Amino acid sequence: MENNKIAIGLDIGTTKIAAMIGRKNEYGKIEVIGIGKAKSLGVKRGVVSNITQTIQSIQQAVEEAESISGEKIENVVVGIAGQHIRSLHHSDYITRNNADEVIDEVDIENLVNQVHKLVMLPGEEIIHVLPQEYKVDSQADIKEPIGMYGGRLEANFHVVVGQVSSIRNIGRCVKSAGLGLSDITLEPLASAAAVLSQEEKEAGVALIDIGGGTTDLAIFKDGIIRHTAVIPFGGNVITDDIKEGCSIIEKQAELLKIKFGSAWPGENKETEIVSIPGLRGREPKEITLKNLSKIIHARVQEIIEQVYLEIKNYGHETAKGKLIAGIVLTGGGAQLKHLRQLVEYITGMDARIGYPNEHLAGDSDEILSSPAFATTVGLLMEGLDKQCIEEKIEEEFIDDSKSVEVEEEPIVVEKSKPKKKSFFEKFVEGLKDFLDNAE
């Protein structure tokens, strides 16, 4: 039954736009049945800067994925990142009218809704409200307050904020490309779902996703997301530096970085030289690999130091916040030679490269488990998980309608559960309405 359920992840990045179609096999792993990618021309640092070009790139990626899989794409799960994303911490509380009743989901929803009333800067909107730990009356550090007694329910929240206009522009592009939006997710959260294990999230881990235009950071501890940040630099600034430093064109700089680039300058000898053909009859240029890795090293060091500052701001150096599992590097930029060693050297933390292959079926194409597709795989997983939840709700609904009349009350309670929409779903629906009306 569930094999025909497919979902689509669409990653709108600064360098590439990727669409991935997949379904779950009988072992619960993801079978990718189609993938398409297109060069992203209208996105700068994770933000859409040219609507027309972005729409074309989305259509190109989607058509390629459709032709490989033979499936028609209708709804997609889209990732959102970009330099406008910021996160903040906030605690809030509600006083319950009836302390003699146990805390239920309605109380938590009221508390979350209260956080949404926070006054943001003009043009900003709350994207995610993620509760961290709760406090009931005076008892702190509660992970799951449902079912407990108490008059005052308090929680610490991790609030992710983004610019309304940027989010709407992404929605606009997806809609104009002839697709429906089934969900929007923060990209670092999608990448984390694809490459991190539950043990790492418990022990404490920082996921660094180095994309073309931005570097995303997500920090987990005790299984809960603790901090997110988007740093507006990525692999493209390294390419730009090589272009300027060696006076060559961008295409050559990108090739040099991928083929010969290294983040560790010590290993190249002065004598290692690459010759690059000159433009239109000019003399070829000779570039020493030592110089190349010096340029890359300087830029990568800057990116890593910025990320490390965020990790320190979160509180990695405190006994309570120590990230025992260290750092996981993913994204296209994680494929740079010797990056892992440099990260370990700068931060003093253990590091590994994160491949999104854990959730993919065994016979998947090798390209798919490249760190460059971590976000896309995460978005696809999100889409499939969402379908599973919807299926369960439908099944419950069918079961409930069959049950006997006597059990009326429990049924009412059961049915009210799935109906509740997270704020984010409401936000996505609001966005859909806005786009429909904007036609």
Protein backbone atom coordinates (compact mmCIF):
# COMPACT_ATOMS: atom_id res chain seq x y z
CA MET A 1 0.00 0.00 0.00
CA GLU A 2 2.58 2.55 1.03
CA ASN A 3 4.97 1.89 -1.82
CA ASN A 4 3.10 4.13 -4.18
CA LYS A 5 3.33 7.10 -1.81
CA ILE A 6 5.96 9.42 -3.20
CA ALA A 7 7.26 12.75 -1.91
CA ILE A 8 9.46 15.43 -3.40
CA GLY A 9 12.16 17.54 -1.77
CA LEU A 10 13.17 20.78 -3.50
CA ASP A 11 16.38 22.44 -2.37
CA ILE A 12 16.65 26.00 -3.69
CA GLY A 13 20.31 26.72 -3.15
CA THR A 14 22.72 29.43 -4.25
CA THR A 15 24.74 27.18 -6.58
CA LYS A 16 22.28 24.47 -7.49
CA ILE A 17 18.57 23.77 -7.36
CA ALA A 18 17.89 20.10 -6.76
CA ALA A 19 14.63 18.15 -6.87
CA MET A 20 14.49 14.61 -5.49
CA ILE A 21 11.57 12.18 -5.81
CA GLY A 22 11.45 9.17 -3.54
CA ARG A 23 9.34 6.68 -1.61
CA LYS A 24 9.91 4.34 1.32
CA ASN A 25 10.71 0.70 0.64
CA GLU A 26 9.49 -2.15 2.84
CA TYR A 27 12.43 -1.67 5.23
CA GLY A 28 11.54 1.97 5.85
CA LYS A 29 14.53 3.20 3.86
CA ILE A 30 14.20 5.79 1.13
CA GLU A 31 14.33 4.75 -2.49
CA VAL A 32 15.16 7.71 -4.70
CA ILE A 33 13.41 7.22 -8.03
CA GLY A 34 14.34 10.49 -9.67
CA ILE A 35 16.69 13.40 -9.19
CA GLY A 36 17.14 16.56 -11.19
CA LYS A 37 19.44 19.48 -10.70
CA ALA A 38 19.91 22.81 -12.39
CA LYS A 39 22.40 25.63 -12.01
CA SER A 40 20.92 28.22 -9.72
CA LEU A 41 21.30 31.66 -11.25
CA GLY A 42 18.73 33.79 -9.44
CA VAL A 43 19.70 33.08 -5.81
CA LYS A 44 22.30 35.05 -3.85
CA ARG A 45 23.35 33.94 -0.37
CA GLY A 46 20.26 31.80 -0.01
CA VAL A 47 17.86 34.62 -0.96
CA VAL A 48 16.01 34.83 -4.28
CA SER A 49 17.37 37.79 -6.23
CA ASN A 50 15.94 37.03 -9.67
CA ILE A 51 12.46 35.51 -9.74
CA THR A 52 12.38 34.63 -13.46
CA GLN A 53 15.71 32.82 -13.45
CA THR A 54 14.85 30.93 -10.26
CA ILE A 55 11.53 29.76 -11.75
CA GLN A 56 13.35 28.51 -14.86
CA SER A 57 15.94 26.64 -12.77
CA ILE A 58 13.21 25.05 -10.63
CA GLN A 59 11.33 23.91 -13.74
CA GLN A 60 14.52 22.51 -15.26
CA ALA A 61 15.38 20.50 -12.11
CA VAL A 62 11.80 19.27 -11.73
CA GLU A 63 11.48 18.23 -15.39
CA GLU A 64 14.73 16.25 -15.17
CA ALA A 65 13.53 14.46 -12.01
CA GLU A 66 10.16 13.76 -13.64
CA SER A 67 11.66 12.30 -16.80
CA ILE A 68 13.93 9.94 -14.80
CA SER A 69 11.18 8.75 -12.46
CA GLY A 70 8.24 8.85 -14.86
CA GLU A 71 6.21 10.47 -12.06
CA LYS A 72 4.40 13.79 -12.26
CA ILE A 73 5.42 16.25 -9.56
CA GLU A 74 2.67 18.24 -7.92
CA ASN A 75 3.57 19.18 -4.35
CA VAL A 76 7.05 19.78 -2.98
CA VAL A 77 8.70 20.30 0.40
CA VAL A 78 10.94 23.36 0.14
CA GLY A 79 13.91 24.30 2.28
CA ILE A 80 14.47 27.83 3.44
CA ALA A 81 17.81 29.35 4.45
CA GLY A 82 19.55 32.61 3.67
CA GLN A 83 21.27 35.41 5.48
CA HIS A 84 17.98 36.80 6.84
CA ILE A 85 17.42 33.84 9.20
CA ARG A 86 18.19 34.45 12.85
CA SER A 87 17.27 32.65 16.04
CA LEU A 88 16.62 33.80 19.56
CA HIS A 89 15.81 32.35 22.94
CA HIS A 90 12.70 33.23 24.81
CA SER A 91 10.87 31.89 27.86
CA ASP A 92 7.18 32.28 28.37
CA TYR A 93 4.55 30.94 30.76
CA ILE A 94 0.81 30.50 31.07
CA THR A 95 -1.23 30.27 34.25
CA ARG A 96 -3.80 27.50 33.94
CA ASN A 97 -7.38 28.14 35.04
CA ASN A 98 -7.85 24.70 36.46
CA ALA A 99 -4.80 23.26 38.22
CA ASP A 100 -6.79 20.12 39.18
CA GLU A 101 -6.78 18.90 35.58
CA VAL A 102 -3.69 17.44 33.99
CA ILE A 103 -1.76 19.42 31.40
CA ASP A 104 -2.72 18.45 27.87
CA GLU A 105 -1.86 19.45 24.31
CA VAL A 106 -4.20 22.44 24.40
CA ASP A 107 -2.12 24.01 27.18
CA ILE A 108 1.07 23.54 25.19
CA GLU A 109 -0.59 24.97 22.11
CA ASN A 110 -1.72 28.02 24.12
CA LEU A 111 1.84 28.49 25.35
CA VAL A 112 3.30 28.18 21.84
CA ASN A 113 0.68 30.59 20.47
CA GLN A 114 1.67 33.08 23.12
CA VAL A 115 5.26 33.00 21.85
CA HIS A 116 3.96 33.86 18.39
CA LYS A 117 2.70 37.16 19.74
CA LEU A 118 6.29 38.27 20.29
CA VAL A 119 6.93 41.60 18.62
CA MET A 120 9.43 41.14 15.82
CA LEU A 121 11.34 43.72 13.82
CA PRO A 122 9.32 45.15 10.92
CA GLY A 123 9.19 42.73 7.99
CA GLU A 124 10.16 39.69 10.07
CA GLU A 125 8.05 36.67 10.80
CA ILE A 126 8.46 33.72 13.14
CA ILE A 127 9.16 30.52 11.15
CA HIS A 128 9.60 27.89 13.87
CA VAL A 129 8.87 27.87 17.60
CA LEU A 130 10.67 24.91 19.13
CA PRO A 131 10.06 24.22 22.84
CA GLN A 132 13.19 23.11 24.68
CA GLU A 133 12.39 22.20 28.23
CA TYR A 134 9.42 22.93 30.40
CA LYS A 135 8.94 24.00 33.99
CA VAL A 136 5.75 23.08 35.86
CA ASP A 137 5.19 25.21 38.96
CA SER A 138 8.65 25.10 40.50
CA GLN A 139 9.84 21.82 39.01
CA ALA A 140 12.37 22.52 36.25
CA ASP A 141 13.93 20.50 33.39
CA ILE A 142 10.80 18.64 32.32
CA LYS A 143 10.92 17.22 28.81
CA GLU A 144 7.28 16.17 28.46
CA PRO A 145 4.75 17.96 30.69
CA ILE A 146 1.61 16.32 29.23
CA GLY A 147 -0.22 14.36 31.92
CA MET A 148 1.27 16.28 34.86
CA TYR A 149 -0.60 18.45 37.37
CA GLY A 150 0.34 22.09 37.79
CA GLY A 151 -0.98 25.64 37.77
CA ARG A 152 1.84 27.41 35.98
CA LEU A 153 3.38 25.99 32.80
CA GLU A 154 6.58 27.60 31.63
CA ALA A 155 8.99 26.77 28.80
CA ASN A 156 12.19 27.89 27.14
CA PHE A 157 11.78 28.31 23.40
CA HIS A 158 14.12 28.37 20.47
CA VAL A 159 12.53 30.81 18.05
CA VAL A 160 13.63 30.97 14.39
CA VAL A 161 12.86 34.22 12.61
CA GLY A 162 13.07 35.15 8.93
CA GLN A 163 12.11 37.91 6.53
CA VAL A 164 8.55 37.69 5.27
CA SER A 165 9.43 39.00 1.82
CA SER A 166 12.19 36.42 1.27
CA ILE A 167 9.93 33.55 2.34
CA ARG A 168 7.13 34.80 0.10
CA ASN A 169 9.50 35.13 -2.85
CA ILE A 170 10.46 31.47 -2.53
CA GLY A 171 6.78 30.53 -2.34
CA ARG A 172 6.10 32.68 -5.39
CA CYS A 173 8.84 30.94 -7.42
CA VAL A 174 7.58 27.46 -6.51
CA LYS A 175 4.01 28.39 -7.37
CA SER A 176 4.96 30.06 -10.66
CA ALA A 177 6.92 26.94 -11.61
CA GLY A 178 3.55 25.17 -11.54
CA LEU A 179 4.08 23.37 -8.21
CA GLY A 180 2.20 23.23 -4.92
CA LEU A 181 3.87 23.87 -1.56
CA SER A 182 3.24 21.01 0.82
CA ASP A 183 5.66 22.29 3.46
CA ILE A 184 8.51 24.70 4.18
CA THR A 185 11.37 23.72 6.45
CA LEU A 186 14.48 25.38 7.75
CA GLU A 187 17.36 23.90 5.73
CA PRO A 188 19.73 23.22 8.65
CA LEU A 189 16.94 21.14 10.25
CA ALA A 190 16.50 19.14 7.02
CA SER A 191 20.26 18.48 6.73
CA ALA A 192 20.35 17.44 10.39
CA ALA A 193 17.56 14.91 9.82
CA ALA A 194 19.54 13.40 6.94
CA VAL A 195 23.01 13.08 8.46
CA LEU A 196 22.85 13.05 12.26
CA SER A 197 22.21 9.98 14.40
CA GLN A 198 20.00 10.09 17.49
CA GLU A 199 23.02 9.31 19.71
CA GLU A 200 24.85 12.36 18.37
CA LYS A 201 21.85 14.60 19.02
CA GLU A 202 21.68 13.29 22.60
CA ALA A 203 25.41 13.68 23.27
CA GLY A 204 25.54 17.16 21.77
CA VAL A 205 26.59 17.90 18.21
CA ALA A 206 27.02 20.87 15.87
CA LEU A 207 26.01 20.34 12.25
CA ILE A 208 27.81 22.67 9.84
CA ASP A 209 26.31 22.67 6.35
CA ILE A 210 28.63 24.54 3.98
CA GLY A 211 26.64 25.48 0.91
CA GLY A 212 27.49 27.73 -1.99
CA GLY A 213 26.09 30.96 -0.61
CA THR A 214 25.59 30.30 3.09
CA THR A 215 26.91 28.13 5.89
CA ASP A 216 24.12 26.80 8.11
CA LEU A 217 24.60 25.73 11.68
CA ALA A 218 22.31 23.60 13.84
CA ILE A 219 23.26 22.59 17.39
CA PHE A 220 21.60 19.69 19.22
CA LYS A 221 21.98 18.59 22.82
CA ASP A 222 19.90 16.07 24.83
CA GLY A 223 18.05 15.26 21.62
CA ILE A 224 16.66 18.79 21.29
CA ILE A 225 17.65 21.53 18.84
CA ARG A 226 19.36 24.25 20.85
CA HIS A 227 20.66 26.80 18.37
CA THR A 228 20.47 27.61 14.67
CA ALA A 229 22.33 30.21 12.65
CA VAL A 230 22.91 31.05 9.01
CA ILE A 231 26.29 32.62 8.19
CA PRO A 232 26.26 34.52 4.88
CA PHE A 233 29.43 32.94 3.45
CA GLY A 234 29.93 29.64 1.70
CA GLY A 235 31.92 27.92 -1.04
CA ASN A 236 31.29 30.75 -3.50
CA VAL A 237 33.38 33.27 -1.58
CA ILE A 238 36.31 30.83 -1.77
CA THR A 239 35.87 30.64 -5.55
CA ASP A 240 35.69 34.46 -5.74
CA ASP A 241 38.94 34.77 -3.80
CA ILE A 242 40.70 32.32 -6.12
CA LYS A 243 39.33 34.26 -9.10
CA GLU A 244 40.67 37.57 -7.75
CA GLY A 245 43.90 36.18 -6.35
CA CYS A 246 44.89 34.32 -9.50
CA SER A 247 43.22 36.69 -12.03
CA ILE A 248 41.30 33.91 -13.76
CA ILE A 249 37.63 33.49 -14.72
CA GLU A 250 35.09 32.02 -12.32
CA LYS A 251 34.67 28.74 -14.18
CA GLN A 252 38.42 28.07 -13.95
CA ALA A 253 38.52 29.11 -10.30
CA GLU A 254 35.71 26.67 -9.43
CA LEU A 255 37.48 23.82 -11.27
CA LEU A 256 40.78 24.61 -9.56
CA LYS A 257 39.08 24.56 -6.15
CA ILE A 258 37.37 21.21 -6.79
CA LYS A 259 40.29 19.43 -8.44
CA PHE A 260 43.35 20.77 -6.64
CA GLY A 261 42.02 22.75 -3.71
CA SER A 262 43.04 21.97 -0.15
CA ALA A 263 42.23 23.72 3.11
CA TRP A 264 45.66 22.84 4.54
CA PRO A 265 48.51 24.90 3.05
CA GLY A 266 51.41 22.90 4.47
CA GLU A 267 51.14 19.88 2.21
CA ASN A 268 51.84 21.44 -1.21
CA LYS A 269 55.41 21.91 -2.36
CA GLU A 270 56.51 25.12 -4.12
CA THR A 271 57.18 23.10 -7.27
CA GLU A 272 53.60 21.90 -7.82
CA ILE A 273 52.21 24.07 -10.59
CA VAL A 274 48.97 24.06 -12.56
CA SER A 275 48.87 25.67 -15.98
CA ILE A 276 45.61 27.37 -16.95
CA PRO A 277 44.84 28.22 -20.58
CA GLY A 278 44.70 31.97 -21.25
CA LEU A 279 41.62 33.65 -22.72
CA ARG A 280 41.42 34.09 -26.50
CA GLY A 281 45.04 33.61 -27.53
CA ARG A 282 46.63 34.98 -24.36
CA GLU A 283 49.51 33.21 -22.67
CA PRO A 284 48.56 30.40 -20.25
CA LYS A 285 48.80 31.23 -16.54
CA GLU A 286 50.86 29.22 -14.10
CA ILE A 287 49.55 28.92 -10.58
CA THR A 288 51.35 27.19 -7.73
CA LEU A 289 49.21 24.85 -5.64
CA LYS A 290 50.82 26.34 -2.53
CA ASN A 291 49.37 29.75 -3.38
CA LEU A 292 46.02 28.19 -4.19
CA SER A 293 45.78 26.44 -0.84
CA LYS A 294 46.90 29.62 0.97
CA ILE A 295 43.99 31.52 -0.56
CA ILE A 296 41.52 28.71 0.28
CA HIS A 297 42.93 28.28 3.78
CA ALA A 298 42.51 31.97 4.64
CA ARG A 299 38.88 32.02 3.56
CA VAL A 300 37.89 28.67 5.10
CA GLN A 301 39.52 29.68 8.36
CA GLU A 302 37.34 32.80 8.41
CA ILE A 303 34.15 30.79 7.84
CA ILE A 304 35.04 28.19 10.49
CA GLU A 305 35.96 30.88 13.03
CA GLN A 306 32.58 32.56 12.53
CA VAL A 307 30.81 29.23 13.03
CA TYR A 308 32.95 28.46 16.08
CA LEU A 309 31.98 31.83 17.56
CA GLU A 310 28.31 30.79 17.24
CA ILE A 311 29.10 27.43 18.89
CA LYS A 312 30.82 29.24 21.76
CA ASN A 313 27.93 31.71 22.07
CA TYR A 314 25.57 28.75 22.43
CA GLY A 315 27.64 27.66 25.45
CA HIS A 316 29.81 24.76 24.26
CA GLU A 317 32.47 25.71 26.80
CA THR A 318 30.14 25.33 29.77
CA ALA A 319 29.92 21.96 31.51
CA LYS A 320 26.20 21.68 30.79
CA GLY A 321 26.38 22.62 27.11
CA LYS A 322 29.45 20.64 26.04
CA LEU A 323 29.00 19.05 22.63
CA ILE A 324 30.45 15.61 23.18
CA ALA A 325 29.91 14.35 19.63
CA GLY A 326 31.74 17.37 18.22
CA ILE A 327 31.10 18.60 14.71
CA VAL A 328 29.53 17.04 11.61
CA LEU A 329 30.39 18.74 8.29
CA THR A 330 28.06 18.43 5.33
CA GLY A 331 26.96 20.33 2.22
CA GLY A 332 28.93 20.70 -1.03
CA GLY A 333 31.68 22.64 0.74
CA ALA A 334 32.41 19.68 3.03
CA GLN A 335 34.06 17.90 0.09
CA LEU A 336 37.09 20.21 0.23
CA LYS A 337 40.25 18.25 0.87
CA HIS A 338 41.64 18.38 4.44
CA LEU A 339 38.72 20.48 5.67
CA ARG A 340 38.04 18.08 8.53
CA GLN A 341 41.61 18.40 9.83
CA LEU A 342 41.45 22.20 9.68
CA VAL A 343 38.13 22.25 11.56
CA GLU A 344 39.53 19.99 14.28
CA TYR A 345 42.64 22.17 14.48
CA ILE A 346 40.69 25.46 14.83
CA THR A 347 37.97 24.26 17.21
CA GLY A 348 39.68 21.47 19.12
CA MET A 349 36.50 19.40 18.62
CA ASP A 350 36.14 16.01 16.91
CA ALA A 351 34.78 16.27 13.39
CA ARG A 352 33.44 13.93 10.73
CA ILE A 353 31.97 14.38 7.27
CA GLY A 354 28.21 13.73 7.18
CA TYR A 355 26.91 11.64 4.28
CA PRO A 356 23.13 11.35 3.93
CA ASN A 357 23.32 7.62 3.17
CA GLU A 358 21.98 6.20 6.45
CA HIS A 359 18.34 6.65 5.43
CA LEU A 360 18.77 5.73 1.77
CA ALA A 361 18.13 2.22 0.41
CA GLY A 362 21.26 0.10 0.02
CA ASP A 363 21.38 0.11 -3.76
CA SER A 364 21.13 3.89 -4.11
CA ASP A 365 23.31 5.73 -6.57
CA GLU A 366 26.57 6.94 -5.05
CA ILE A 367 25.94 10.55 -6.15
CA LEU A 368 22.92 10.71 -3.83
CA SER A 369 24.95 10.07 -0.71
CA SER A 370 27.25 13.00 -1.50
CA PRO A 371 27.24 15.65 1.26
CA ALA A 372 26.03 18.12 -1.40
CA PHE A 373 22.60 16.43 -1.34
CA ALA A 374 22.20 16.29 2.45
CA THR A 375 19.55 19.03 2.49
CA THR A 376 17.63 17.56 -0.45
CA VAL A 377 17.52 14.10 1.18
CA GLY A 378 16.38 15.73 4.45
CA LEU A 379 13.56 17.58 2.68
CA LEU A 380 12.46 14.35 0.98
CA MET A 381 12.44 12.58 4.38
CA GLU A 382 10.34 15.40 5.79
CA GLY A 383 7.83 14.98 2.96
CA LEU A 384 7.59 11.21 3.47
CA ASP A 385 7.23 11.55 7.26
CA LYS A 386 4.46 14.09 6.79
CA GLN A 387 2.61 11.61 4.58
CA CYS A 388 2.96 8.86 7.17
CA ILE A 389 1.39 11.10 9.81
CA GLU A 390 -1.46 12.04 7.47
CA GLU A 391 -2.04 8.36 6.65
CA LYS A 392 -2.23 7.50 10.34
CA ILE A 393 -4.77 10.26 10.89
CA GLU A 394 -6.86 8.95 8.01
CA GLU A 395 -6.68 5.39 9.39
CA GLU A 396 -7.67 6.61 12.86
CA PHE A 397 -10.53 8.47 11.29
CA ILE A 398 -11.75 5.31 9.49
CA ASP A 399 -11.35 3.19 12.64
CA ASP A 400 -13.20 5.78 14.71
CA SER A 401 -16.13 5.90 12.33
CA LYS A 402 -16.51 2.11 12.65
CA SER A 403 -16.44 2.00 16.44
CA VAL A 404 -19.45 1.61 18.63
CA GLU A 405 -21.59 4.53 19.74
CA VAL A 406 -20.87 3.98 23.46
CA GLU A 407 -17.27 5.01 23.08
CA GLU A 408 -18.29 8.43 21.95
CA GLU A 409 -16.26 10.47 24.38
CA PRO A 410 -12.81 8.92 23.86
CA ILE A 411 -13.35 9.20 20.12
CA VAL A 412 -13.93 12.91 20.38
CA VAL A 413 -10.67 13.26 22.28
CA GLU A 414 -8.80 11.10 19.75
CA LYS A 415 -10.15 13.04 16.82
CA SER A 416 -9.25 16.41 18.25
CA LYS A 417 -5.57 15.48 18.30
CA PRO A 418 -4.73 15.30 14.61
CA LYS A 419 -6.87 18.33 13.80
CA LYS A 420 -4.51 20.65 15.64
CA LYS A 421 -2.18 22.39 13.24
CA SER A 422 1.23 23.48 14.30
CA PHE A 423 1.73 27.19 13.91
CA PHE A 424 4.07 26.44 11.07
CA GLU A 425 1.37 24.62 9.13
CA LYS A 426 -0.91 27.60 9.69
CA PHE A 427 1.88 29.83 8.44
CA VAL A 428 2.37 27.68 5.32
CA GLU A 429 -1.37 27.80 4.71
CA GLY A 430 -1.33 31.56 5.17
CA LEU A 431 1.47 31.75 2.65
CA LYS A 432 -0.48 29.60 0.19
CA ASP A 433 -3.52 31.85 0.58
CA PHE A 434 -1.38 34.93 0.08
CA LEU A 435 0.06 33.46 -3.12
CA ASP A 436 -3.36 32.43 -4.39
CA ASN A 437 -4.70 35.92 -3.84
CA ALA A 438 -1.66 37.49 -5.43
CA GLU A 439 -2.41 35.80 -8.76
